[in-house]
N, C-alpha and C. Protein backbone atom coordinates (compact mmCIF):
# COMPACT_ATOMS: atom_id res chain seq x y z
N MET A 1 14.25 -34.04 -5.78
CA MET A 1 14.18 -32.64 -6.16
C MET A 1 12.70 -32.25 -6.30
N SER A 2 12.36 -31.14 -5.72
CA SER A 2 10.99 -30.66 -5.74
C SER A 2 10.67 -29.95 -7.04
N ARG A 3 9.40 -30.05 -7.45
CA ARG A 3 8.95 -29.33 -8.64
C ARG A 3 8.64 -27.88 -8.33
N PHE A 4 8.59 -27.55 -7.06
CA PHE A 4 8.21 -26.21 -6.65
C PHE A 4 9.40 -25.47 -6.06
N GLN A 5 9.47 -24.20 -6.35
CA GLN A 5 10.51 -23.37 -5.80
C GLN A 5 9.91 -22.47 -4.73
N VAL A 6 10.54 -22.41 -3.59
CA VAL A 6 10.07 -21.58 -2.50
C VAL A 6 10.63 -20.17 -2.70
N ILE A 7 9.73 -19.20 -2.67
CA ILE A 7 10.13 -17.81 -2.80
C ILE A 7 9.66 -17.08 -1.54
N HIS A 8 10.58 -16.43 -0.88
CA HIS A 8 10.25 -15.66 0.32
C HIS A 8 10.03 -14.21 -0.07
N ILE A 9 8.86 -13.70 0.27
CA ILE A 9 8.48 -12.33 -0.06
C ILE A 9 8.33 -11.54 1.23
N LYS A 10 8.88 -10.34 1.23
CA LYS A 10 8.78 -9.49 2.41
C LYS A 10 7.31 -9.17 2.70
N GLU A 11 6.94 -9.24 3.97
CA GLU A 11 5.56 -8.95 4.38
C GLU A 11 5.23 -7.48 4.16
N TYR A 12 3.96 -7.22 3.82
CA TYR A 12 3.50 -5.85 3.67
C TYR A 12 3.67 -5.06 4.96
N THR A 13 3.86 -3.76 4.81
CA THR A 13 3.70 -2.85 5.94
C THR A 13 2.20 -2.59 6.07
N ARG A 14 1.79 -1.95 7.14
CA ARG A 14 0.36 -1.65 7.33
C ARG A 14 -0.15 -0.78 6.18
N ASP A 15 0.61 0.26 5.84
CA ASP A 15 0.19 1.16 4.75
C ASP A 15 0.09 0.43 3.41
N GLU A 16 1.05 -0.46 3.13
CA GLU A 16 1.00 -1.23 1.89
C GLU A 16 -0.20 -2.15 1.87
N PHE A 17 -0.47 -2.79 3.01
CA PHE A 17 -1.61 -3.70 3.11
C PHE A 17 -2.92 -2.97 2.83
N VAL A 18 -3.08 -1.81 3.43
CA VAL A 18 -4.30 -1.03 3.23
C VAL A 18 -4.40 -0.59 1.77
N LYS A 19 -3.30 -0.16 1.18
CA LYS A 19 -3.30 0.26 -0.23
C LYS A 19 -3.70 -0.90 -1.15
N VAL A 20 -3.15 -2.08 -0.92
CA VAL A 20 -3.51 -3.25 -1.73
C VAL A 20 -4.98 -3.59 -1.54
N THR A 21 -5.46 -3.50 -0.31
CA THR A 21 -6.87 -3.78 -0.03
C THR A 21 -7.76 -2.82 -0.81
N ILE A 22 -7.43 -1.54 -0.80
CA ILE A 22 -8.23 -0.54 -1.53
C ILE A 22 -8.24 -0.87 -3.02
N GLU A 23 -7.08 -1.27 -3.55
CA GLU A 23 -6.98 -1.58 -4.98
C GLU A 23 -7.74 -2.85 -5.36
N GLN A 24 -7.83 -3.81 -4.45
CA GLN A 24 -8.42 -5.10 -4.77
C GLN A 24 -9.93 -5.18 -4.56
N LEU A 25 -10.45 -4.37 -3.65
CA LEU A 25 -11.87 -4.48 -3.34
C LEU A 25 -12.70 -3.62 -4.28
N ASP A 26 -13.85 -4.13 -4.65
CA ASP A 26 -14.77 -3.39 -5.53
C ASP A 26 -15.82 -2.69 -4.68
N VAL A 27 -15.33 -1.84 -3.76
CA VAL A 27 -16.19 -1.05 -2.88
C VAL A 27 -15.61 0.35 -2.80
N GLU A 28 -16.32 1.25 -2.15
CA GLU A 28 -15.83 2.62 -1.97
C GLU A 28 -14.48 2.59 -1.26
N PRO A 29 -13.54 3.44 -1.68
CA PRO A 29 -12.21 3.44 -1.07
C PRO A 29 -12.20 3.61 0.45
N ASP A 30 -13.07 4.45 0.99
CA ASP A 30 -13.11 4.63 2.45
C ASP A 30 -13.55 3.35 3.16
N PHE A 31 -14.49 2.63 2.56
CA PHE A 31 -14.95 1.37 3.15
C PHE A 31 -13.84 0.31 3.04
N ALA A 32 -13.16 0.26 1.91
CA ALA A 32 -12.04 -0.68 1.73
C ALA A 32 -10.93 -0.37 2.74
N ARG A 33 -10.65 0.92 2.94
CA ARG A 33 -9.63 1.31 3.91
C ARG A 33 -10.02 0.84 5.31
N PHE A 34 -11.29 1.02 5.67
CA PHE A 34 -11.77 0.59 6.98
C PHE A 34 -11.58 -0.92 7.15
N ILE A 35 -11.96 -1.68 6.15
CA ILE A 35 -11.80 -3.14 6.22
C ILE A 35 -10.33 -3.50 6.37
N GLY A 36 -9.48 -2.92 5.53
CA GLY A 36 -8.05 -3.22 5.59
C GLY A 36 -7.45 -2.90 6.95
N GLU A 37 -7.80 -1.76 7.49
CA GLU A 37 -7.28 -1.37 8.80
C GLU A 37 -7.77 -2.30 9.90
N GLN A 38 -9.04 -2.66 9.85
CA GLN A 38 -9.59 -3.55 10.88
C GLN A 38 -8.94 -4.92 10.83
N VAL A 39 -8.77 -5.45 9.63
CA VAL A 39 -8.14 -6.77 9.48
C VAL A 39 -6.69 -6.71 9.95
N TRP A 40 -5.94 -5.72 9.51
CA TRP A 40 -4.53 -5.60 9.90
C TRP A 40 -4.40 -5.46 11.42
N ASP A 41 -5.24 -4.63 12.01
CA ASP A 41 -5.13 -4.38 13.45
C ASP A 41 -5.45 -5.60 14.29
N ARG A 42 -6.04 -6.60 13.68
CA ARG A 42 -6.33 -7.85 14.39
C ARG A 42 -5.28 -8.90 14.08
N LYS A 43 -4.11 -8.43 13.64
CA LYS A 43 -2.95 -9.29 13.40
C LYS A 43 -3.16 -10.30 12.28
N ASN A 44 -4.06 -9.97 11.37
CA ASN A 44 -4.30 -10.81 10.20
C ASN A 44 -3.86 -10.01 8.99
N HIS A 45 -2.91 -10.52 8.24
CA HIS A 45 -2.36 -9.77 7.13
C HIS A 45 -2.67 -10.47 5.81
N ASN A 46 -3.88 -10.97 5.68
CA ASN A 46 -4.29 -11.71 4.49
C ASN A 46 -5.38 -10.92 3.75
N VAL A 47 -5.02 -10.42 2.57
CA VAL A 47 -5.95 -9.63 1.77
C VAL A 47 -7.18 -10.46 1.39
N ARG A 48 -7.02 -11.76 1.29
CA ARG A 48 -8.18 -12.61 0.94
C ARG A 48 -9.30 -12.48 1.97
N ASP A 49 -8.92 -12.29 3.23
CA ASP A 49 -9.95 -12.09 4.26
C ASP A 49 -10.67 -10.76 4.04
N CYS A 50 -9.95 -9.76 3.57
CA CYS A 50 -10.60 -8.47 3.25
C CYS A 50 -11.60 -8.65 2.12
N VAL A 51 -11.23 -9.44 1.12
CA VAL A 51 -12.14 -9.70 -0.01
C VAL A 51 -13.39 -10.41 0.50
N ARG A 52 -13.21 -11.40 1.34
CA ARG A 52 -14.34 -12.16 1.88
C ARG A 52 -15.27 -11.24 2.69
N ILE A 53 -14.67 -10.42 3.54
CA ILE A 53 -15.46 -9.52 4.38
C ILE A 53 -16.23 -8.53 3.52
N SER A 54 -15.58 -7.99 2.49
CA SER A 54 -16.26 -7.00 1.64
C SER A 54 -17.44 -7.60 0.89
N SER A 55 -17.39 -8.90 0.63
CA SER A 55 -18.50 -9.52 -0.10
C SER A 55 -19.68 -9.83 0.83
N MET A 56 -19.44 -9.85 2.14
CA MET A 56 -20.49 -10.20 3.08
C MET A 56 -21.03 -9.02 3.87
N CYS A 57 -20.28 -7.92 3.90
CA CYS A 57 -20.65 -6.79 4.75
C CYS A 57 -20.92 -5.56 3.89
N GLN A 58 -21.94 -4.81 4.27
CA GLN A 58 -22.32 -3.61 3.53
C GLN A 58 -21.94 -2.31 4.24
N THR A 59 -21.73 -2.37 5.55
CA THR A 59 -21.44 -1.16 6.33
C THR A 59 -20.29 -1.44 7.29
N GLU A 60 -19.73 -0.36 7.85
CA GLU A 60 -18.69 -0.52 8.86
C GLU A 60 -19.21 -1.27 10.08
N GLU A 61 -20.48 -1.03 10.42
CA GLU A 61 -21.08 -1.74 11.55
C GLU A 61 -21.14 -3.25 11.26
N ASP A 62 -21.46 -3.62 10.02
CA ASP A 62 -21.47 -5.03 9.63
C ASP A 62 -20.09 -5.65 9.81
N VAL A 63 -19.07 -4.91 9.39
CA VAL A 63 -17.68 -5.40 9.50
C VAL A 63 -17.33 -5.61 10.97
N ALA A 64 -17.62 -4.61 11.80
CA ALA A 64 -17.31 -4.71 13.22
C ALA A 64 -18.02 -5.90 13.86
N ARG A 65 -19.29 -6.08 13.51
CA ARG A 65 -20.06 -7.20 14.06
C ARG A 65 -19.47 -8.53 13.61
N TYR A 66 -19.15 -8.62 12.33
CA TYR A 66 -18.57 -9.85 11.77
C TYR A 66 -17.26 -10.20 12.48
N LEU A 67 -16.41 -9.21 12.66
CA LEU A 67 -15.14 -9.46 13.32
C LEU A 67 -15.32 -9.78 14.80
N ARG A 68 -16.26 -9.12 15.44
CA ARG A 68 -16.54 -9.38 16.85
C ARG A 68 -17.01 -10.82 17.06
N LEU A 69 -17.72 -11.35 16.06
CA LEU A 69 -18.23 -12.72 16.16
C LEU A 69 -17.19 -13.75 15.72
N GLY A 70 -15.98 -13.28 15.37
CA GLY A 70 -14.90 -14.22 15.06
C GLY A 70 -14.77 -14.56 13.61
N GLY A 71 -15.42 -13.82 12.72
CA GLY A 71 -15.32 -14.11 11.30
C GLY A 71 -14.00 -13.66 10.72
N GLY A 72 -13.68 -14.23 9.56
CA GLY A 72 -12.51 -13.81 8.82
C GLY A 72 -11.23 -14.46 9.27
N GLY A 73 -10.86 -15.53 8.66
CA GLY A 73 -9.56 -16.12 8.93
C GLY A 73 -9.56 -17.24 9.95
N GLY A 74 -10.62 -17.99 10.03
CA GLY A 74 -10.63 -19.15 10.88
C GLY A 74 -10.40 -18.85 12.35
N GLY A 75 -10.93 -17.71 12.79
CA GLY A 75 -10.79 -17.34 14.19
C GLY A 75 -9.61 -16.42 14.46
N ALA A 76 -8.74 -16.23 13.47
CA ALA A 76 -7.58 -15.37 13.67
C ALA A 76 -7.97 -13.94 13.95
N LEU A 77 -9.19 -13.56 13.55
CA LEU A 77 -9.63 -12.20 13.76
C LEU A 77 -10.57 -12.06 14.95
N ALA A 78 -10.76 -13.12 15.69
CA ALA A 78 -11.70 -13.07 16.80
C ALA A 78 -11.30 -12.01 17.80
N VAL A 79 -12.30 -11.31 18.29
CA VAL A 79 -12.08 -10.24 19.26
C VAL A 79 -12.73 -10.66 20.57
N ALA A 80 -12.02 -10.52 21.66
CA ALA A 80 -12.56 -10.91 22.97
C ALA A 80 -13.61 -9.93 23.44
């Protein structure tokens, strides 16, 4: 018998993901929204990656460059 119980939680919708991102990041809401949308659109639905990106990037251009170079999520966000 396992000490851990598995709980299945429904995945966020895009709007929910962006809302959670805005609530969790300590940046301007428009910048948080941009990060959340960019991460979601790259098929990565992990808010932790949004937190990481917000701590390393200061502008939307920084975010785009970071994602273009494959940052955020072990390559899951890499853009060709």
